[in-house]
Amino acid sequence: MTSPAPPEVTRLLDALRGGDRSALDALFPLVYDELRRLARRHLARERTGHTLDSVALVNEAYLKLVEQDGVRLDGRAHFFGVSARAMRAILVDHARARNAAKRGGGGAVVPLDEVAELLSDAQAEHVVQLDDELARLAEVNAEAARVVECLYFGGLTLDETAVALGLSVATVRRRWSFAKAWLGRALAPER
């Protein structure tokens, strides 16, 4: 994701920022390959053999972006950060659904053959726990939580994260260090 944005991508992001919702439809084919690489990084952390592949994850992320009113994308790095956040949300939703189904759910009964086998039980628990801790981190330090989303989930570099969040690289490093310490403590197995 370090290659410079082609002029057409920059123009479409500017049009989208200006309120042209059709620009998102034109933008996606131009960045599709990079989004697939991002999706593959997300899926590499998941159980092998599940039915959600990188194409499906990119398509679901696109639908999430299209459904948002007033989506504001300030440049290429921010676009990929928002896309990474959407992919993370999709995977967390799947993990939560898997955990709810495992526990009886209390909701509508969905036949098992309609539920995508996305994660092992342990992985689903981990994804949900990580999402919960990121929400707690955001309450304490919202910038640190956004840095985690960009670096860990978005696969952005420190420089790209700084641009996406409007921070200096030094601030991104400090927020990243804080977030790693916070999450390491919060996610450490109890002794």
Protein backbone atom coordinates (compact mmCIF):
# COMPACT_ATOMS: atom_id res chain seq x y z
CA MET A 1 0.00 0.00 0.00
CA THR A 2 2.97 2.28 -0.31
CA SER A 3 2.62 2.95 -4.04
CA PRO A 4 1.52 6.46 -4.94
CA ALA A 5 -2.15 6.98 -5.69
CA PRO A 6 -2.88 7.23 -9.42
CA PRO A 7 -4.38 10.58 -10.40
CA GLU A 8 -7.76 8.95 -11.06
CA VAL A 9 -7.90 7.55 -7.49
CA THR A 10 -7.05 10.96 -6.07
CA ARG A 11 -9.70 12.62 -8.26
CA LEU A 12 -12.36 10.10 -7.19
CA LEU A 13 -11.49 10.49 -3.50
CA ASP A 14 -11.81 14.27 -3.93
CA ALA A 15 -15.18 13.80 -5.66
CA LEU A 16 -16.36 11.50 -2.89
CA ARG A 17 -15.23 14.01 -0.26
CA GLY A 18 -17.24 16.61 -2.19
CA GLY A 19 -20.40 14.52 -1.84
CA ASP A 20 -20.42 12.58 -5.12
CA ARG A 21 -21.60 9.14 -3.91
CA SER A 22 -21.16 7.64 -7.40
CA ALA A 23 -17.40 8.19 -7.05
CA LEU A 24 -17.24 5.23 -4.65
CA ASP A 25 -18.57 2.94 -7.40
CA ALA A 26 -15.88 4.18 -9.78
CA LEU A 27 -13.16 4.03 -7.09
CA PHE A 28 -13.58 0.41 -6.05
CA PRO A 29 -12.43 -1.22 -9.31
CA LEU A 30 -9.28 0.92 -9.23
CA VAL A 31 -8.29 -0.14 -5.70
CA TYR A 32 -9.77 -3.65 -5.79
CA ASP A 33 -6.45 -5.51 -5.92
CA GLU A 34 -5.08 -3.59 -2.93
CA LEU A 35 -8.31 -4.23 -1.01
CA ARG A 36 -7.99 -7.96 -1.77
CA ARG A 37 -4.44 -7.91 -0.35
CA LEU A 38 -5.79 -6.18 2.75
CA ALA A 39 -8.58 -8.75 3.04
CA ARG A 40 -6.09 -11.61 2.67
CA ARG A 41 -4.06 -10.17 5.59
CA HIS A 42 -7.21 -10.10 7.72
CA LEU A 43 -8.17 -13.63 6.73
CA ALA A 44 -4.65 -14.96 7.35
CA ARG A 45 -5.37 -14.58 11.07
CA GLU A 46 -8.56 -16.63 10.78
CA ARG A 47 -9.20 -20.38 10.68
CA THR A 48 -8.28 -21.98 7.37
CA GLY A 49 -11.06 -23.50 5.34
CA HIS A 50 -13.84 -21.07 6.25
CA THR A 51 -16.26 -19.98 3.55
CA LEU A 52 -15.55 -16.25 3.64
CA ASP A 53 -12.75 -15.47 1.20
CA SER A 54 -11.00 -12.23 0.28
CA VAL A 55 -13.49 -11.48 -2.51
CA ALA A 56 -16.46 -11.84 -0.17
CA LEU A 57 -14.76 -9.75 2.52
CA VAL A 58 -13.99 -6.94 0.04
CA ASN A 59 -17.56 -7.05 -1.28
CA GLU A 60 -19.05 -6.90 2.21
CA ALA A 61 -16.74 -4.01 3.11
CA TYR A 62 -17.88 -2.20 -0.03
CA LEU A 63 -21.53 -2.68 0.98
CA LYS A 64 -20.75 -1.33 4.46
CA LEU A 65 -19.16 1.78 2.92
CA VAL A 66 -22.02 2.31 0.49
CA GLU A 67 -24.59 2.07 3.30
CA GLN A 68 -22.87 4.82 5.32
CA ASP A 69 -24.34 8.27 4.97
CA GLY A 70 -21.86 11.11 4.82
CA VAL A 71 -18.80 8.89 4.52
CA ARG A 72 -15.77 11.20 4.49
CA LEU A 73 -12.55 9.82 3.07
CA ASP A 74 -9.60 12.17 3.38
CA GLY A 75 -7.11 10.64 1.01
CA ARG A 76 -5.84 7.23 0.08
CA ALA A 77 -4.44 6.20 3.48
CA HIS A 78 -7.68 7.20 5.20
CA PHE A 79 -9.70 5.25 2.61
CA PHE A 80 -7.70 2.09 3.33
CA GLY A 81 -8.00 2.72 7.08
CA VAL A 82 -11.79 2.98 6.78
CA SER A 83 -11.86 -0.14 4.57
CA ALA A 84 -9.77 -2.05 7.12
CA ARG A 85 -12.13 -0.98 9.90
CA ALA A 86 -15.11 -2.22 7.85
CA MET A 87 -13.40 -5.58 7.26
CA ARG A 88 -12.60 -5.89 10.94
CA ALA A 89 -16.22 -5.14 11.83
CA ILE A 90 -17.42 -7.84 9.44
CA LEU A 91 -15.10 -10.44 10.96
CA VAL A 92 -16.08 -9.41 14.50
CA ASP A 93 -19.78 -9.64 13.59
CA HIS A 94 -19.18 -13.17 12.27
CA ALA A 95 -17.29 -14.11 15.43
CA ARG A 96 -20.05 -12.70 17.65
CA ALA A 97 -22.67 -14.61 15.66
CA ARG A 98 -20.65 -17.80 16.00
CA ASN A 99 -20.28 -17.31 19.75
CA ALA A 100 -23.98 -16.51 20.14
CA ALA A 101 -24.96 -19.60 18.16
CA LYS A 102 -22.61 -21.71 20.27
CA ARG A 103 -24.33 -20.50 23.44
CA GLY A 104 -27.89 -20.78 22.18
CA GLY A 105 -27.97 -17.14 21.15
CA GLY A 106 -31.32 -16.20 22.60
CA GLY A 107 -32.29 -14.88 19.16
CA ALA A 108 -33.90 -16.31 16.09
CA VAL A 109 -32.84 -19.85 15.24
CA VAL A 110 -30.73 -20.00 12.09
CA PRO A 111 -30.07 -23.40 10.52
CA LEU A 112 -26.41 -24.35 10.85
CA ASP A 113 -26.03 -24.84 7.11
CA GLU A 114 -26.79 -21.12 6.66
CA VAL A 115 -24.14 -19.98 9.12
CA ALA A 116 -20.69 -19.47 7.61
CA GLU A 117 -18.06 -21.46 9.49
CA LEU A 118 -15.62 -18.61 9.87
CA LEU A 119 -13.56 -19.22 12.96
CA SER A 120 -12.71 -21.92 15.42
CA ASP A 121 -14.30 -21.40 18.84
CA ALA A 122 -11.03 -20.15 20.33
CA GLN A 123 -10.40 -17.75 17.43
CA ALA A 124 -13.95 -16.39 17.60
CA GLU A 125 -13.53 -15.75 21.32
CA HIS A 126 -10.21 -13.98 20.66
CA VAL A 127 -11.64 -11.72 17.93
CA VAL A 128 -14.56 -10.70 20.13
CA GLN A 129 -12.29 -10.13 23.14
CA LEU A 130 -9.92 -8.01 21.02
CA ASP A 131 -12.82 -5.95 19.71
CA ASP A 132 -14.15 -5.43 23.26
CA GLU A 133 -10.72 -4.32 24.48
CA LEU A 134 -10.31 -1.96 21.52
CA ALA A 135 -13.64 -0.37 22.48
CA ARG A 136 -12.36 0.06 26.05
CA LEU A 137 -9.09 1.47 24.76
CA ALA A 138 -11.03 3.97 22.61
CA GLU A 139 -12.76 5.22 25.77
CA VAL A 140 -9.36 5.89 27.36
CA ASN A 141 -7.41 6.96 24.27
CA ALA A 142 -9.35 7.15 21.00
CA GLU A 143 -6.23 8.02 18.98
CA ALA A 144 -4.44 4.89 20.20
CA ALA A 145 -7.41 2.73 19.17
CA ARG A 146 -7.45 4.31 15.70
CA VAL A 147 -3.69 3.72 15.40
CA VAL A 148 -4.26 0.01 16.14
CA GLU A 149 -6.97 -0.13 13.47
CA CYS A 150 -4.68 1.42 10.87
CA LEU A 151 -1.46 -0.44 11.70
CA TYR A 152 -2.73 -3.85 12.76
CA PHE A 153 -5.99 -4.24 10.89
CA GLY A 154 -5.33 -1.88 7.99
CA GLY A 155 -1.79 -2.95 7.30
CA LEU A 156 -0.76 0.68 6.93
CA THR A 157 2.79 1.82 7.64
CA LEU A 158 3.61 4.32 10.39
CA ASP A 159 3.85 7.08 7.78
CA GLU A 160 0.53 6.13 6.15
CA THR A 161 -1.14 5.95 9.56
CA ALA A 162 0.18 9.40 10.42
CA VAL A 163 -1.28 10.79 7.20
CA ALA A 164 -4.60 8.96 7.62
CA LEU A 165 -5.06 10.24 11.18
CA GLY A 166 -3.49 13.66 10.75
CA LEU A 167 -0.80 12.96 13.35
CA SER A 168 2.98 13.09 13.38
CA VAL A 169 4.88 9.84 12.98
CA ALA A 170 6.29 10.31 16.50
CA THR A 171 2.77 10.59 17.91
CA VAL A 172 1.72 7.47 16.03
CA ARG A 173 4.70 5.60 17.54
CA ARG A 174 3.75 6.75 21.06
CA ARG A 175 0.08 5.81 20.59
CA TRP A 176 1.13 2.43 19.15
CA SER A 177 3.40 1.72 22.14
CA PHE A 178 0.63 2.68 24.55
CA ALA A 179 -1.94 0.56 22.70
CA LYS A 180 0.34 -2.50 22.60
CA ALA A 181 0.96 -2.22 26.34
CA TRP A 182 -2.77 -1.70 27.05
CA LEU A 183 -3.90 -4.58 24.88
CA GLY A 184 -1.09 -6.85 26.07
CA ARG A 185 -2.19 -6.35 29.66
CA ALA A 186 -5.88 -6.64 28.87
CA LEU A 187 -5.54 -9.74 26.69
CA ALA A 188 -2.92 -11.57 28.79
CA PRO A 189 -4.21 -14.87 30.12
CA GLU A 190 -5.04 -14.61 33.79
CA ARG A 191 -2.41 -16.17 35.97
